[in-house]
Amino acid sequence: MTETSHPVILITGGSRGLGRSMALHLARLGADIILIYQGAQQEAGAVIAEIGALGRRGLALQLDIGDTSGFPGFVDALREVLERQWGGARLDGLVNNAGVGVNKPFAGTSEAEFDQLMSLHLKGVFFLTQSLLGLIRNGGHILNLSTGLTRFTHPGFAAYAAMKGAVEVLTRYLALELGPRGIRVNTIAPGAIETDFGGGLVRDNPAVNSGIAAATALGRAGLPDDIGGAVASVLLGDFGWMTGQRLELSGGQSL
């Protein structure tokens, strides 16, 4: 733990949706939270206020995960913030959650859309994690967000799922290479969740939502708290002997 005795967790894409839920569940279990947001400053500030109302410390920092040129300056700023506000330049956990969705048929996916997905979901995750290795304490935890779409398939998600499949492979390599430091690295793979992701496709389209519910063993689409609570349990619960694993949280979708 850090010198504050409270774990400090960094969450990318923490201003809304799954990231917001993760932050609040972690705060309820006693963690302090640093959120990374890209453009949603107002939403990020609202999450920080909610964390404060739970009695924990929160901070929001801006960064475009898809632009690696900003990483060195961000790491320097993060180190300074950790020293000043938490008394030590160490993170207890990193959650690589930031992402966007592209729902396009394989034949209609443009190179620009492919590059956007790669920059954010794969290149950004790879090099931001690499940049933060010096700040993650020995015995800490890295959690990468994937998707149920790496196991089951739906038309229109070839590029997105391919990036997440690469992240799952990366997770296993990181688990092996960071094992000597006691750093655990795992993947959470959500199924279809009711958020604004992908333009709110699951949340706002009744036909899509009911179709998912019919194909899911537990009979409904997922909610953000289904993921946020699980992430908090993995990071702060009794999962110290788990690394290199993929945990799917889909309610039994497309079994």
Protein backbone atom coordinates (compact mmCIF):
# COMPACT_ATOMS: atom_id res chain seq x y z
CA MET A 1 0.00 0.00 0.00
CA THR A 2 0.99 3.64 -0.30
CA GLU A 3 2.12 5.69 2.66
CA THR A 4 -1.49 6.88 3.15
CA SER A 5 -2.46 3.25 3.95
CA HIS A 6 -5.28 3.62 1.42
CA PRO A 7 -4.73 2.05 -2.00
CA VAL A 8 -4.46 4.51 -4.89
CA ILE A 9 -6.01 3.26 -8.13
CA LEU A 10 -5.64 4.91 -11.55
CA ILE A 11 -8.57 4.39 -13.95
CA THR A 12 -8.46 5.47 -17.58
CA GLY A 13 -11.77 6.53 -19.06
CA GLY A 14 -13.17 7.09 -15.60
CA SER A 15 -15.62 9.92 -16.20
CA ARG A 16 -18.71 7.86 -17.05
CA GLY A 17 -20.10 4.40 -17.73
CA LEU A 18 -18.02 1.49 -16.53
CA GLY A 19 -15.15 3.70 -15.34
CA ARG A 20 -17.44 5.74 -13.11
CA SER A 21 -18.94 2.60 -11.62
CA MET A 22 -15.49 1.12 -10.97
CA ALA A 23 -14.34 4.32 -9.27
CA LEU A 24 -17.32 4.48 -6.93
CA HIS A 25 -17.19 0.80 -5.99
CA LEU A 26 -13.46 1.05 -5.29
CA ALA A 27 -13.99 4.19 -3.20
CA ARG A 28 -16.64 2.40 -1.15
CA LEU A 29 -14.04 -0.26 -0.36
CA GLY A 30 -11.55 2.36 0.83
CA ALA A 31 -9.52 3.25 -2.26
CA ASP A 32 -8.45 6.69 -3.41
CA ILE A 33 -9.00 7.23 -7.12
CA ILE A 34 -7.19 9.06 -9.91
CA LEU A 35 -9.32 9.31 -13.04
CA ILE A 36 -8.08 9.93 -16.56
CA TYR A 37 -10.51 11.63 -18.89
CA GLN A 38 -10.06 12.88 -22.43
CA GLY A 39 -12.69 15.56 -22.96
CA ALA A 40 -15.46 15.05 -20.42
CA GLN A 41 -14.10 17.38 -17.75
CA GLN A 42 -17.48 18.19 -16.22
CA GLU A 43 -18.43 14.52 -15.93
CA ALA A 44 -15.05 13.68 -14.42
CA GLY A 45 -15.49 16.44 -11.85
CA ALA A 46 -18.87 15.04 -10.89
CA VAL A 47 -17.35 11.61 -10.28
CA ILE A 48 -14.63 13.16 -8.12
CA ALA A 49 -17.33 14.89 -6.06
CA GLU A 50 -19.11 11.56 -5.58
CA ILE A 51 -15.84 9.96 -4.45
CA GLY A 52 -15.37 12.78 -1.94
CA ALA A 53 -18.89 12.25 -0.62
CA LEU A 54 -17.89 8.65 0.09
CA GLY A 55 -15.03 9.89 2.28
CA ARG A 56 -12.23 9.08 -0.14
CA ARG A 57 -9.83 11.23 -2.09
CA GLY A 58 -10.21 11.63 -5.84
CA LEU A 59 -8.43 13.50 -8.61
CA ALA A 60 -9.10 13.85 -12.35
CA LEU A 61 -6.31 14.30 -14.91
CA GLN A 62 -6.68 14.89 -18.64
CA LEU A 63 -4.95 12.67 -21.20
CA ASP A 64 -5.62 11.41 -24.71
CA ILE A 65 -4.79 7.71 -24.42
CA GLY A 66 -4.63 7.50 -28.21
CA ASP A 67 -1.73 9.99 -28.43
CA THR A 68 1.46 8.51 -27.00
CA SER A 69 3.36 11.79 -27.38
CA GLY A 70 1.56 13.06 -24.27
CA PHE A 71 2.61 10.16 -22.07
CA PRO A 72 6.02 11.42 -20.78
CA GLY A 73 4.54 14.73 -19.60
CA PHE A 74 1.57 12.98 -18.06
CA VAL A 75 3.77 10.58 -16.10
CA ASP A 76 5.82 13.49 -14.75
CA ALA A 77 2.65 15.29 -13.70
CA LEU A 78 1.24 12.13 -12.11
CA ARG A 79 4.44 11.53 -10.17
CA GLU A 80 4.32 15.06 -8.80
CA VAL A 81 0.65 14.70 -7.82
CA LEU A 82 1.29 11.40 -6.05
CA GLU A 83 4.20 12.87 -4.11
CA ARG A 84 2.31 16.03 -3.14
CA GLN A 85 -1.11 14.61 -2.32
CA TRP A 86 -0.39 11.00 -1.35
CA GLY A 87 3.11 11.26 0.09
CA GLY A 88 4.72 8.79 -2.30
CA ALA A 89 5.04 8.22 -6.04
CA ARG A 90 3.36 4.81 -6.10
CA LEU A 91 0.16 3.40 -7.58
CA ASP A 92 -1.47 0.29 -6.16
CA GLY A 93 -3.49 -0.43 -9.27
CA LEU A 94 -4.00 0.54 -12.90
CA VAL A 95 -7.24 -0.10 -14.79
CA ASN A 96 -6.93 0.26 -18.56
CA ASN A 97 -10.58 1.01 -19.24
CA ALA A 98 -10.71 3.88 -21.78
CA GLY A 99 -12.22 3.00 -25.13
CA VAL A 100 -14.56 3.77 -27.99
CA GLY A 101 -16.73 1.48 -30.05
CA VAL A 102 -16.98 1.17 -33.82
CA ASN A 103 -19.93 -0.85 -35.05
CA LYS A 104 -19.18 -1.33 -38.75
CA PRO A 105 -19.21 -4.40 -41.00
CA PHE A 106 -15.76 -5.74 -41.81
CA ALA A 107 -16.12 -4.68 -45.45
CA GLY A 108 -17.11 -1.16 -44.46
CA THR A 109 -14.54 -0.44 -41.76
CA SER A 110 -12.21 2.34 -42.88
CA GLU A 111 -8.49 2.47 -42.25
CA ALA A 112 -9.02 5.62 -40.16
CA GLU A 113 -11.51 3.80 -37.92
CA PHE A 114 -9.15 0.85 -37.61
CA ASP A 115 -6.26 3.15 -36.68
CA GLN A 116 -8.39 4.94 -34.07
CA LEU A 117 -9.26 1.67 -32.41
CA MET A 118 -5.67 0.48 -32.49
CA SER A 119 -4.28 3.74 -31.09
CA LEU A 120 -6.66 3.74 -28.15
CA HIS A 121 -7.29 0.09 -27.36
CA LEU A 122 -3.92 -1.50 -28.13
CA LYS A 123 -1.08 0.96 -28.69
CA GLY A 124 -2.32 3.26 -25.96
CA VAL A 125 -2.74 0.42 -23.45
CA PHE A 126 0.69 -1.00 -24.33
CA PHE A 127 2.68 2.20 -24.03
CA LEU A 128 0.78 3.87 -21.19
CA THR A 129 1.25 0.74 -19.08
CA GLN A 130 4.92 0.68 -20.07
CA SER A 131 5.26 4.35 -19.10
CA LEU A 132 3.66 3.76 -15.69
CA LEU A 133 5.71 0.71 -14.68
CA GLY A 134 7.99 2.82 -12.52
CA LEU A 135 5.02 4.12 -10.53
CA ILE A 136 3.21 0.81 -9.97
CA ARG A 137 4.35 -0.71 -6.70
CA ASN A 138 5.67 -4.22 -6.38
CA GLY A 139 2.67 -6.38 -5.51
CA GLY A 140 0.27 -4.06 -7.34
CA HIS A 141 -2.34 -4.96 -9.91
CA ILE A 142 -2.98 -4.12 -13.56
CA LEU A 143 -6.46 -4.81 -14.92
CA ASN A 144 -7.14 -4.58 -18.65
CA LEU A 145 -10.65 -4.27 -20.08
CA SER A 146 -11.52 -6.57 -22.93
CA THR A 147 -14.93 -7.69 -24.24
CA GLY A 148 -17.12 -10.76 -24.44
CA LEU A 149 -16.85 -10.30 -28.22
CA THR A 150 -13.48 -12.04 -28.16
CA ARG A 151 -15.37 -15.26 -27.33
CA PHE A 152 -18.71 -14.84 -29.10
CA THR A 153 -19.26 -12.92 -32.31
CA HIS A 154 -21.72 -10.35 -33.63
CA PRO A 155 -21.52 -8.70 -37.03
CA GLY A 156 -19.98 -5.25 -37.02
CA PHE A 157 -17.33 -5.65 -34.33
CA ALA A 158 -14.44 -7.31 -36.17
CA ALA A 159 -11.97 -4.45 -35.69
CA TYR A 160 -12.95 -3.70 -32.09
CA ALA A 161 -12.85 -7.34 -31.00
CA ALA A 162 -9.51 -7.89 -32.75
CA MET A 163 -7.94 -5.10 -30.68
CA LYS A 164 -9.35 -6.57 -27.49
CA GLY A 165 -8.11 -10.02 -28.44
CA ALA A 166 -4.63 -8.54 -28.69
CA VAL A 167 -5.06 -6.99 -25.23
CA GLU A 168 -5.91 -10.41 -23.81
CA VAL A 169 -2.69 -11.83 -25.25
CA LEU A 170 -0.76 -8.82 -23.93
CA THR A 171 -2.23 -9.46 -20.48
CA ARG A 172 -0.68 -12.92 -20.33
CA TYR A 173 2.73 -11.63 -21.40
CA LEU A 174 2.61 -8.84 -18.84
CA ALA A 175 1.62 -11.31 -16.13
CA LEU A 176 4.68 -13.40 -16.95
CA GLU A 177 7.17 -10.55 -17.25
CA LEU A 178 5.92 -8.61 -14.22
CA GLY A 179 5.50 -11.69 -12.04
CA PRO A 180 8.95 -11.27 -10.45
CA ARG A 181 7.74 -7.94 -9.07
CA GLY A 182 4.59 -9.54 -7.68
CA ILE A 183 2.43 -7.46 -10.03
CA ARG A 184 -0.73 -9.31 -11.04
CA VAL A 185 -2.15 -8.65 -14.49
CA ASN A 186 -5.62 -9.79 -15.46
CA THR A 187 -8.40 -9.10 -17.96
CA ILE A 188 -12.06 -8.33 -17.33
CA ALA A 189 -14.26 -9.07 -20.37
CA PRO A 190 -17.74 -7.49 -20.08
CA GLY A 191 -20.64 -8.67 -22.14
CA ALA A 192 -23.24 -6.25 -23.49
CA ILE A 193 -23.68 -3.43 -20.95
CA GLU A 194 -26.22 -0.61 -20.85
CA THR A 195 -24.00 2.49 -21.22
CA ASP A 196 -23.44 5.24 -23.82
CA PHE A 197 -20.68 3.09 -25.35
CA GLY A 198 -21.05 2.70 -29.09
CA GLY A 199 -23.66 5.44 -29.17
CA GLY A 200 -25.78 3.77 -26.50
CA LEU A 201 -26.54 0.80 -28.75
CA VAL A 202 -27.37 -1.62 -25.93
CA ARG A 203 -28.95 0.92 -23.58
CA ASP A 204 -31.08 2.88 -26.03
CA ASN A 205 -32.11 0.41 -28.73
CA PRO A 206 -34.99 -1.73 -27.39
CA ALA A 207 -34.64 -4.35 -30.11
CA VAL A 208 -30.92 -4.80 -29.45
CA ASN A 209 -31.47 -4.87 -25.70
CA SER A 210 -34.22 -7.48 -25.86
CA GLY A 211 -32.21 -9.59 -28.28
CA ILE A 212 -29.27 -9.62 -25.88
CA ALA A 213 -31.55 -10.48 -22.96
CA ALA A 214 -32.96 -13.43 -24.90
CA ALA A 215 -29.45 -14.72 -25.65
CA THR A 216 -28.21 -14.34 -22.06
CA ALA A 217 -28.56 -17.04 -19.42
CA LEU A 218 -29.46 -14.54 -16.68
CA GLY A 219 -32.07 -12.94 -18.92
CA ARG A 220 -30.95 -9.32 -19.25
CA ALA A 221 -28.25 -7.04 -20.57
CA GLY A 222 -25.60 -5.99 -18.08
CA LEU A 223 -25.49 -2.80 -16.02
CA PRO A 224 -22.40 -0.73 -15.16
CA ASP A 225 -22.53 -1.85 -11.54
CA ASP A 226 -22.26 -5.48 -12.66
CA ILE A 227 -18.75 -4.60 -13.84
CA GLY A 228 -17.78 -1.94 -11.31
CA GLY A 229 -18.43 -4.22 -8.36
CA ALA A 230 -16.47 -7.07 -9.89
CA VAL A 231 -13.50 -4.83 -10.68
CA ALA A 232 -13.41 -3.61 -7.08
CA SER A 233 -13.51 -7.20 -5.83
CA VAL A 234 -10.64 -8.25 -8.08
CA LEU A 235 -8.45 -5.29 -7.15
CA LEU A 236 -9.19 -5.13 -3.42
CA GLY A 237 -10.51 -8.59 -2.59
CA ASP A 238 -8.87 -11.95 -2.06
CA PHE A 239 -7.56 -12.44 -5.60
CA GLY A 240 -3.88 -12.21 -4.79
CA TRP A 241 -3.07 -15.58 -6.36
CA MET A 242 -4.70 -14.81 -9.71
CA THR A 243 -2.71 -13.49 -12.65
CA GLY A 244 -2.75 -13.87 -16.42
CA GLN A 245 -6.48 -14.67 -16.40
CA ARG A 246 -9.51 -13.57 -18.40
CA LEU A 247 -12.73 -13.14 -16.40
CA GLU A 248 -15.86 -12.78 -18.49
CA LEU A 249 -18.76 -10.90 -16.91
CA SER A 250 -21.59 -11.33 -19.36
CA GLY A 251 -24.44 -12.99 -17.46
CA GLY A 252 -23.89 -16.04 -19.62
CA GLN A 253 -24.31 -14.29 -22.97
CA SER A 254 -24.28 -16.55 -26.06
CA LEU A 255 -23.38 -19.74 -24.19
